[in-house]
Amino acid sequence: MLLTIYFIVLIGLVLAELTKGLSANGTPPFLQKLPGQMHLAHFMWSNIMLIRVVLIIALVAMVVMASGNARWIMIGGAVPLGLAWFGVFWLFEKIWTGRVKFPGITQKVFATAKENQLDPELQVIGVNYGGEQKAFPVNMITFHHQIVDQVADLPVWVTYCGLCRSGRVYDINVDGQTLDFTLVGAISFNATFEDNQTGTWWRQETGEAAKGKLAGRVLEDVPAEQMTLGNWLKKYPKSLVLQYDPKFTRKYNFINKLQRFEATKPAWHMQDTPSLVIGVEGNGAARGYDWEQLKSRGMVNDSLGSAPIVVATDPDRTSAAAYSREVDGEMLDFTPVDEGMTDSQTGSTWNWFGTCLKGKMKGKQLSQLQSYQQYIRSWITFHPETSFFDF
């Protein structure tokens, strides 16, 4: 009986280590689909040391209590199972864990448009705040999953999740302190981080504190735009551009090929033609637009909640933006033209940045709404109330 219990506990030690590791490391997919994955992962990560100590003490006590052949059987069995436990422990502590697989950036060098060395076709997440603009290449953020920086006087957390293919930017001033983060792993197909000040776990997609001291808090969104670097510098010619960290250049280049579907790797989220949407939030509503169909149209007039909006792509069909169609109390209807789009009410011509270039409304600027480009599954997962435009 003692021998049976001993091996059950020993196998339990290995399984506990395996569960802790897999619960927040992106695989296998069935774990990502469990409604309670966040609870399981946080419990295991928070209590694994206690679990190890209790089970090891129990194992030692049973060896001491045993006698004769039973003791030698226990010791013999501990060798292969102990090695198995150590292998799992080493794998998830030193190799297959977020902070190791995706280390933080080691240097941040920003360049002006004239000094920039990066490909203008790179997608960037851009922030315009307090009269200052900064652009962060998407392939860089994808590899690191996060870059903490400052725009004007605002400390910002620029994030990107490759499983969702979504970029988000947050204000990280919380209760008078500026947070910084360590990547935990992937939970429910979304990157999860732990802040180093309170130990709270945060979801990348929503900025929500899911577990820990600040559970229930939500970081404040910082407006951001995703487009090619070339488009960003046309819109904000005085912007600074984050340059590659030389230590990770090969990683950045590979991720850029993945995102352009010029390369692939074994992973659930890589497909020949993955479904992307442009997701728009505002007025208490969320709306999705199929990216391929939007590109074929160039632009669409629509409504978000009760507010009239227009969603337009750039001429090269690499980026999209959403704007309110209401200008000075007048609702406009747009049609695409070579220069961008014209409104039916005044015949004015607008570019895809929402600026009127000529006509009665020359100089006017459409109010921009927050929008994102990401996988449709992640948009639905985190915006279950979303509707979709019927093309």
Protein backbone atom coordinates (compact mmCIF):
# COMPACT_ATOMS: atom_id res chain seq x y z
CA MET A 1 0.00 0.00 0.00
CA LEU A 2 2.79 2.43 0.93
CA LEU A 3 4.61 1.57 -2.28
CA THR A 4 1.50 2.34 -4.36
CA ILE A 5 0.95 5.69 -2.65
CA TYR A 6 4.64 6.55 -3.13
CA PHE A 7 4.51 6.08 -6.89
CA ILE A 8 1.19 7.91 -7.17
CA VAL A 9 2.75 10.90 -5.38
CA LEU A 10 5.91 10.69 -7.50
CA ILE A 11 3.91 10.62 -10.73
CA GLY A 12 1.77 13.44 -9.32
CA LEU A 13 4.90 15.56 -8.87
CA VAL A 14 5.78 15.12 -12.56
CA LEU A 15 2.21 15.83 -13.68
CA ALA A 16 1.98 18.94 -11.49
CA GLU A 17 5.15 20.32 -13.11
CA LEU A 18 3.83 19.47 -16.56
CA THR A 19 0.45 21.09 -15.85
CA LYS A 20 2.13 24.24 -14.55
CA GLY A 21 4.26 24.50 -17.66
CA LEU A 22 1.57 23.77 -20.24
CA SER A 23 -1.12 25.87 -18.58
CA ALA A 24 0.44 29.15 -19.76
CA ASN A 25 2.63 28.30 -22.71
CA GLY A 26 0.41 28.35 -25.73
CA THR A 27 -0.01 24.63 -26.29
CA PRO A 28 -1.68 22.23 -26.58
CA PRO A 29 -4.67 23.98 -28.18
CA PHE A 30 -7.25 22.08 -26.10
CA LEU A 31 -5.89 23.78 -22.96
CA GLN A 32 -6.29 27.18 -24.61
CA LYS A 33 -9.98 26.43 -25.09
CA LEU A 34 -10.68 25.59 -21.45
CA PRO A 35 -12.93 28.24 -19.84
CA GLY A 36 -10.90 27.94 -16.62
CA GLN A 37 -7.42 28.07 -18.13
CA MET A 38 -6.60 31.42 -16.49
CA HIS A 39 -7.65 30.08 -13.06
CA LEU A 40 -5.66 26.88 -13.55
CA ALA A 41 -2.54 28.68 -14.77
CA HIS A 42 -2.55 31.30 -12.03
CA PHE A 43 -3.13 28.67 -9.33
CA MET A 44 -0.31 26.45 -10.59
CA TRP A 45 2.16 29.29 -11.11
CA SER A 46 1.36 30.79 -7.71
CA ASN A 47 1.49 27.49 -5.79
CA ILE A 48 3.98 25.32 -7.65
CA MET A 49 6.72 25.88 -5.06
CA LEU A 50 4.41 24.83 -2.23
CA ILE A 51 3.24 21.81 -4.25
CA ARG A 52 6.85 20.76 -4.90
CA VAL A 53 7.85 21.08 -1.25
CA VAL A 54 4.82 19.20 0.11
CA LEU A 55 5.11 16.34 -2.38
CA ILE A 56 8.89 15.98 -1.97
CA ILE A 57 8.57 15.93 1.83
CA ALA A 58 5.87 13.26 1.51
CA LEU A 59 8.12 11.19 -0.76
CA VAL A 60 11.10 11.42 1.59
CA ALA A 61 8.90 10.50 4.57
CA MET A 62 7.61 7.39 2.78
CA VAL A 63 11.15 6.30 1.90
CA VAL A 64 12.13 6.66 5.57
CA MET A 65 9.06 4.69 6.66
CA ALA A 66 9.69 1.88 4.19
CA SER A 67 11.96 -1.05 4.88
CA GLY A 68 13.78 -3.79 3.00
CA ASN A 69 12.97 -4.29 -0.67
CA ALA A 70 10.24 -1.63 -0.65
CA ARG A 71 12.77 1.08 0.13
CA TRP A 72 15.06 -0.01 -2.69
CA ILE A 73 12.13 -0.16 -5.12
CA MET A 74 11.21 3.41 -4.12
CA ILE A 75 14.76 4.63 -4.63
CA GLY A 76 15.02 2.79 -7.96
CA GLY A 77 11.72 4.23 -9.17
CA ALA A 78 12.74 7.74 -8.08
CA VAL A 79 15.65 7.75 -10.55
CA PRO A 80 13.72 7.66 -13.88
CA LEU A 81 10.71 9.59 -12.57
CA GLY A 82 12.97 12.10 -10.85
CA LEU A 83 14.82 12.63 -14.12
CA ALA A 84 11.49 13.04 -15.89
CA TRP A 85 10.46 15.67 -13.32
CA PHE A 86 13.77 17.51 -13.71
CA GLY A 87 13.45 17.43 -17.51
CA VAL A 88 9.98 18.98 -17.38
CA PHE A 89 11.13 21.51 -14.79
CA TRP A 90 14.15 22.52 -16.91
CA LEU A 91 12.09 22.72 -20.09
CA PHE A 92 9.55 25.15 -18.65
CA GLU A 93 12.00 27.17 -16.57
CA LYS A 94 14.90 27.55 -18.98
CA ILE A 95 13.68 26.91 -22.52
CA TRP A 96 9.94 26.85 -23.22
CA THR A 97 8.64 29.80 -21.25
CA GLY A 98 7.61 33.28 -22.31
CA ARG A 99 10.38 35.29 -20.69
CA VAL A 100 13.04 33.02 -22.24
CA LYS A 101 11.53 32.46 -25.70
CA PHE A 102 10.72 36.16 -26.15
CA PRO A 103 13.30 38.21 -24.21
CA GLY A 104 12.91 41.93 -23.74
CA ILE A 105 14.46 44.52 -26.00
CA THR A 106 18.01 45.39 -24.92
CA GLN A 107 18.31 48.82 -26.50
CA LYS A 108 15.87 51.40 -27.82
CA VAL A 109 17.19 53.75 -30.49
CA PHE A 110 14.78 56.12 -32.22
CA ALA A 111 15.54 57.77 -35.54
CA THR A 112 14.00 60.61 -37.50
CA ALA A 113 12.47 59.97 -40.92
CA LYS A 114 15.76 61.08 -42.51
CA GLU A 115 17.86 58.83 -40.27
CA ASN A 116 15.54 55.80 -40.44
CA GLN A 117 17.12 52.56 -41.70
CA LEU A 118 13.98 50.39 -41.75
CA ASP A 119 11.90 49.24 -44.72
CA PRO A 120 9.03 51.72 -45.31
CA GLU A 121 6.75 48.76 -46.09
CA LEU A 122 7.00 47.46 -42.51
CA GLN A 123 3.78 47.62 -40.53
CA VAL A 124 4.05 49.85 -37.46
CA ILE A 125 1.96 50.68 -34.42
CA GLY A 126 2.07 54.46 -34.16
CA VAL A 127 1.24 56.70 -31.22
CA ASN A 128 0.49 60.40 -31.54
CA TYR A 129 0.29 62.06 -28.14
CA GLY A 130 1.10 65.47 -26.68
CA GLY A 131 2.49 66.75 -29.96
CA GLU A 132 4.96 63.86 -30.21
CA GLN A 133 4.77 60.84 -32.50
CA LYS A 134 6.56 57.51 -32.28
CA ALA A 135 6.36 54.44 -34.51
CA PHE A 136 7.04 50.89 -33.28
CA PRO A 137 7.57 48.18 -35.95
CA VAL A 138 5.03 45.37 -35.60
CA ASN A 139 7.60 42.62 -36.20
CA MET A 140 9.68 43.95 -33.30
CA ILE A 141 6.73 44.11 -30.92
CA THR A 142 5.58 40.66 -32.05
CA PHE A 143 8.91 39.12 -31.08
CA HIS A 144 9.20 40.87 -27.71
CA HIS A 145 5.39 40.96 -27.22
CA GLN A 146 5.82 44.32 -25.48
CA ILE A 147 7.84 47.52 -25.45
CA VAL A 148 7.54 49.97 -22.57
CA ASP A 149 8.33 53.54 -23.60
CA GLN A 150 7.23 57.14 -23.19
CA VAL A 151 5.51 59.46 -25.66
CA ALA A 152 5.70 63.08 -24.54
CA ASP A 153 5.04 62.77 -20.79
CA LEU A 154 2.96 59.58 -21.05
CA PRO A 155 4.47 56.17 -20.14
CA VAL A 156 3.04 53.69 -22.64
CA TRP A 157 2.97 49.93 -22.96
CA VAL A 158 3.03 48.93 -26.64
CA THR A 159 1.94 45.30 -27.01
CA TYR A 160 1.35 42.78 -29.78
CA CYS A 161 0.11 39.19 -29.63
CA GLY A 162 1.08 36.94 -32.53
CA LEU A 163 -1.66 34.42 -31.67
CA CYS A 164 -4.28 37.16 -32.07
CA ARG A 165 -2.27 39.27 -34.50
CA SER A 166 -3.41 42.28 -32.55
CA GLY A 167 -1.64 45.39 -31.33
CA ARG A 168 -2.72 47.39 -28.29
CA VAL A 169 -1.24 50.39 -26.47
CA TYR A 170 -1.97 51.24 -22.82
CA ASP A 171 -1.27 53.94 -20.27
CA ILE A 172 0.68 52.17 -17.51
CA ASN A 173 0.33 54.77 -14.77
CA VAL A 174 -1.67 52.95 -12.11
CA ASP A 175 -2.31 54.38 -8.64
CA GLY A 176 0.66 56.71 -8.89
CA GLN A 177 3.19 54.10 -10.03
CA THR A 178 4.42 53.16 -13.49
CA LEU A 179 4.16 49.44 -14.17
CA ASP A 180 6.51 47.26 -16.18
CA PHE A 181 5.87 43.69 -17.20
CA THR A 182 7.23 40.18 -17.70
CA LEU A 183 5.65 37.86 -20.25
CA VAL A 184 4.02 34.83 -18.59
CA GLY A 185 2.81 33.04 -21.71
CA ALA A 186 -0.35 32.48 -23.72
CA ILE A 187 -3.74 31.92 -22.10
CA SER A 188 -6.96 31.59 -24.11
CA PHE A 189 -4.91 32.28 -27.24
CA ASN A 190 -3.75 35.65 -25.91
CA ALA A 191 -0.51 36.88 -24.37
CA THR A 192 -0.60 37.24 -20.59
CA PHE A 193 1.82 39.36 -18.56
CA GLU A 194 2.72 39.80 -14.91
CA ASP A 195 3.52 43.27 -13.68
CA ASN A 196 6.70 43.48 -11.64
CA GLN A 197 5.25 45.88 -9.08
CA THR A 198 2.21 43.97 -7.77
CA GLY A 199 2.44 40.51 -9.38
CA THR A 200 -0.92 41.00 -11.11
CA TRP A 201 -1.61 39.08 -14.32
CA TRP A 202 -2.86 41.16 -17.30
CA ARG A 203 -4.47 40.24 -20.63
CA GLN A 204 -2.84 41.85 -23.67
CA GLU A 205 -6.00 42.10 -25.75
CA THR A 206 -8.14 43.92 -23.20
CA GLY A 207 -5.70 45.48 -20.72
CA GLU A 208 -7.68 43.75 -17.98
CA ALA A 209 -6.12 42.61 -14.72
CA ALA A 210 -7.28 38.99 -14.68
CA LYS A 211 -5.60 37.70 -11.50
CA GLY A 212 -3.75 39.14 -8.54
CA LYS A 213 -3.78 42.24 -6.37
CA LEU A 214 -5.26 44.52 -9.05
CA ALA A 215 -7.75 41.98 -10.45
CA GLY A 216 -10.67 43.70 -12.14
CA ARG A 217 -8.75 46.85 -13.03
CA VAL A 218 -8.48 47.80 -16.71
CA LEU A 219 -5.60 49.80 -18.15
CA GLU A 220 -6.57 52.93 -20.04
CA ASP A 221 -6.26 52.61 -23.82
CA VAL A 222 -3.91 54.96 -25.64
CA PRO A 223 -5.11 55.76 -29.18
CA ALA A 224 -2.87 54.07 -31.73
CA GLU A 225 -2.79 53.53 -35.47
CA GLN A 226 -1.48 50.60 -37.52
CA MET A 227 -0.19 51.20 -41.03
CA THR A 228 2.98 50.89 -43.07
CA LEU A 229 5.94 52.94 -41.93
CA GLY A 230 5.86 54.80 -45.23
CA ASN A 231 2.24 55.86 -44.68
CA TRP A 232 2.94 56.78 -41.07
CA LEU A 233 5.79 59.09 -42.06
CA LYS A 234 3.61 60.70 -44.74
CA LYS A 235 1.03 61.45 -42.08
CA TYR A 236 3.53 62.35 -39.34
CA PRO A 237 6.79 63.41 -41.04
CA LYS A 238 8.34 64.52 -37.72
CA SER A 239 7.75 61.13 -36.06
CA LEU A 240 10.52 59.16 -34.44
CA VAL A 241 10.90 55.52 -35.52
CA LEU A 242 12.15 52.73 -33.27
CA GLN A 243 15.11 51.02 -34.95
CA TYR A 244 16.01 47.34 -34.76
CA ASP A 245 17.83 46.03 -31.71
CA PRO A 246 20.93 44.52 -33.42
CA LYS A 247 20.80 41.51 -31.10
CA PHE A 248 17.49 40.32 -32.61
CA THR A 249 17.64 41.43 -36.26
CA ARG A 250 17.34 37.87 -37.62
CA LYS A 251 14.28 37.24 -35.44
CA TYR A 252 12.62 40.45 -36.64
CA ASN A 253 13.26 39.59 -40.30
CA PHE A 254 11.79 36.09 -39.90
CA ILE A 255 8.67 37.44 -38.19
CA ASN A 256 8.27 39.97 -40.99
CA LYS A 257 8.26 37.08 -43.49
CA LEU A 258 5.70 35.21 -41.37
CA GLN A 259 3.40 38.21 -41.27
CA ARG A 260 3.66 38.63 -45.02
CA PHE A 261 3.06 34.87 -45.46
CA GLU A 262 6.42 34.46 -47.15
CA ALA A 263 7.37 31.86 -44.52
CA THR A 264 5.53 29.50 -42.21
CA LYS A 265 6.06 27.37 -39.12
CA PRO A 266 4.13 24.58 -37.39
CA ALA A 267 1.45 26.42 -35.40
CA TRP A 268 -2.32 26.38 -35.14
CA HIS A 269 -2.70 29.99 -36.22
CA MET A 270 -0.70 29.80 -39.47
CA GLN A 271 -2.89 29.16 -42.51
CA ASP A 272 -2.56 29.83 -46.23
CA THR A 273 -5.26 32.49 -46.09
CA PRO A 274 -6.04 33.34 -42.45
CA SER A 275 -9.16 35.36 -41.81
CA LEU A 276 -8.32 38.92 -40.84
CA VAL A 277 -10.74 41.63 -39.90
CA ILE A 278 -10.57 45.34 -39.30
CA GLY A 279 -12.23 45.76 -35.93
CA VAL A 280 -13.66 49.11 -34.91
CA GLU A 281 -14.67 50.17 -31.40
CA GLY A 282 -16.65 53.20 -30.32
CA ASN A 283 -20.01 54.50 -29.16
CA GLY A 284 -20.38 51.41 -26.99
CA ALA A 285 -20.31 49.09 -30.00
CA ALA A 286 -17.89 46.84 -31.89
CA ARG A 287 -17.97 46.09 -35.61
CA GLY A 288 -15.86 43.81 -37.81
CA TYR A 289 -14.99 44.18 -41.51
CA ASP A 290 -13.56 41.30 -43.52
CA TRP A 291 -10.12 42.53 -44.58
CA GLU A 292 -10.06 40.89 -48.01
CA GLN A 293 -13.47 42.25 -48.96
CA LEU A 294 -12.66 45.68 -47.57
CA LYS A 295 -9.49 45.76 -49.69
CA SER A 296 -11.52 44.94 -52.81
CA ARG A 297 -13.94 47.80 -52.05
CA GLY A 298 -11.41 50.36 -50.86
CA MET A 299 -13.93 51.90 -48.47
CA VAL A 300 -17.42 51.44 -47.02
CA ASN A 301 -20.00 53.75 -45.48
CA ASP A 302 -21.52 52.25 -42.34
CA SER A 303 -22.80 52.98 -38.84
CA LEU A 304 -21.26 52.05 -35.49
CA GLY A 305 -24.08 51.98 -33.02
CA SER A 306 -26.04 55.05 -34.09
CA ALA A 307 -23.00 56.94 -35.37
CA PRO A 308 -22.27 57.16 -39.12
CA ILE A 309 -18.72 56.05 -39.99
CA VAL A 310 -16.54 55.36 -43.00
CA VAL A 311 -13.83 52.69 -43.10
CA ALA A 312 -11.19 53.35 -45.75
CA THR A 313 -8.01 51.65 -46.97
CA ASP A 314 -4.85 53.28 -48.30
CA PRO A 315 -4.27 53.19 -52.08
CA ASP A 316 -1.91 50.19 -51.76
CA ARG A 317 -4.44 48.23 -49.65
CA THR A 318 -1.98 47.67 -46.82
CA SER A 319 -3.77 49.56 -44.03
CA ALA A 320 -7.19 50.80 -43.00
CA ALA A 321 -8.66 53.48 -40.78
CA ALA A 322 -12.15 54.37 -39.51
CA TYR A 323 -13.62 57.85 -39.23
CA SER A 324 -16.84 59.56 -38.24
CA ARG A 325 -18.81 60.72 -41.29
CA GLU A 326 -20.20 63.70 -39.42
CA VAL A 327 -18.52 67.06 -40.11
CA ASP A 328 -19.87 70.30 -38.64
CA GLY A 329 -23.21 68.63 -37.99
CA GLU A 330 -23.55 67.32 -41.56
CA MET A 331 -23.49 63.61 -42.36
CA LEU A 332 -21.41 62.80 -45.43
CA ASP A 333 -21.59 59.85 -47.83
CA PHE A 334 -18.36 58.85 -49.52
CA THR A 335 -17.40 57.12 -52.74
CA PRO A 336 -13.88 55.93 -53.64
CA VAL A 337 -11.73 57.79 -56.19
CA ASP A 338 -8.07 57.56 -57.18
CA GLU A 339 -7.02 60.27 -54.71
CA GLY A 340 -8.97 58.66 -51.88
CA MET A 341 -12.68 59.41 -51.66
CA THR A 342 -15.22 62.15 -52.39
CA ASP A 343 -18.33 63.07 -50.44
CA SER A 344 -21.67 63.22 -52.25
CA GLN A 345 -22.89 66.25 -50.33
CA THR A 346 -20.19 68.78 -51.32
CA GLY A 347 -18.09 66.97 -53.92
CA SER A 348 -14.98 67.53 -51.81
CA THR A 349 -12.00 65.19 -52.17
CA TRP A 350 -10.51 63.49 -49.09
CA ASN A 351 -7.44 61.32 -48.62
CA TRP A 352 -7.47 58.10 -46.61
CA PHE A 353 -5.98 59.96 -43.64
CA GLY A 354 -9.38 61.69 -43.37
CA THR A 355 -8.11 65.09 -44.54
CA CYS A 356 -10.05 67.10 -47.13
CA LEU A 357 -7.65 68.07 -49.92
CA LYS A 358 -9.90 70.15 -52.16
CA GLY A 359 -13.43 71.39 -52.46
CA LYS A 360 -15.85 73.15 -50.16
CA MET A 361 -14.51 71.38 -47.08
CA LYS A 362 -10.80 71.77 -47.88
CA GLY A 363 -8.74 71.63 -44.68
CA LYS A 364 -11.38 69.79 -42.66
CA GLN A 365 -10.38 66.65 -40.79
CA LEU A 366 -12.56 63.63 -40.10
CA SER A 367 -12.54 62.43 -36.49
CA GLN A 368 -10.69 59.11 -36.30
CA LEU A 369 -12.01 56.08 -34.43
CA GLN A 370 -9.92 53.35 -32.86
CA SER A 371 -9.52 50.36 -35.16
CA TYR A 372 -7.42 47.21 -35.23
CA GLN A 373 -6.34 44.60 -37.77
CA GLN A 374 -6.39 41.08 -36.31
CA TYR A 375 -7.51 37.48 -36.65
CA ILE A 376 -11.29 37.12 -36.70
CA ARG A 377 -11.24 34.49 -33.92
CA SER A 378 -9.52 36.80 -31.47
CA TRP A 379 -11.85 39.68 -32.39
CA ILE A 380 -14.90 37.49 -31.67
CA THR A 381 -13.37 36.02 -28.49
CA PHE A 382 -12.75 39.39 -26.89
CA HIS A 383 -15.69 41.21 -28.52
CA PRO A 384 -18.50 38.65 -28.26
CA GLU A 385 -21.07 41.39 -28.84
CA THR A 386 -19.52 42.33 -32.21
CA SER A 387 -21.48 42.63 -35.41
CA PHE A 388 -20.05 42.30 -38.91
CA PHE A 389 -20.50 44.40 -42.02
CA ASP A 390 -22.40 42.54 -44.75
CA PHE A 391 -20.47 43.14 -47.95
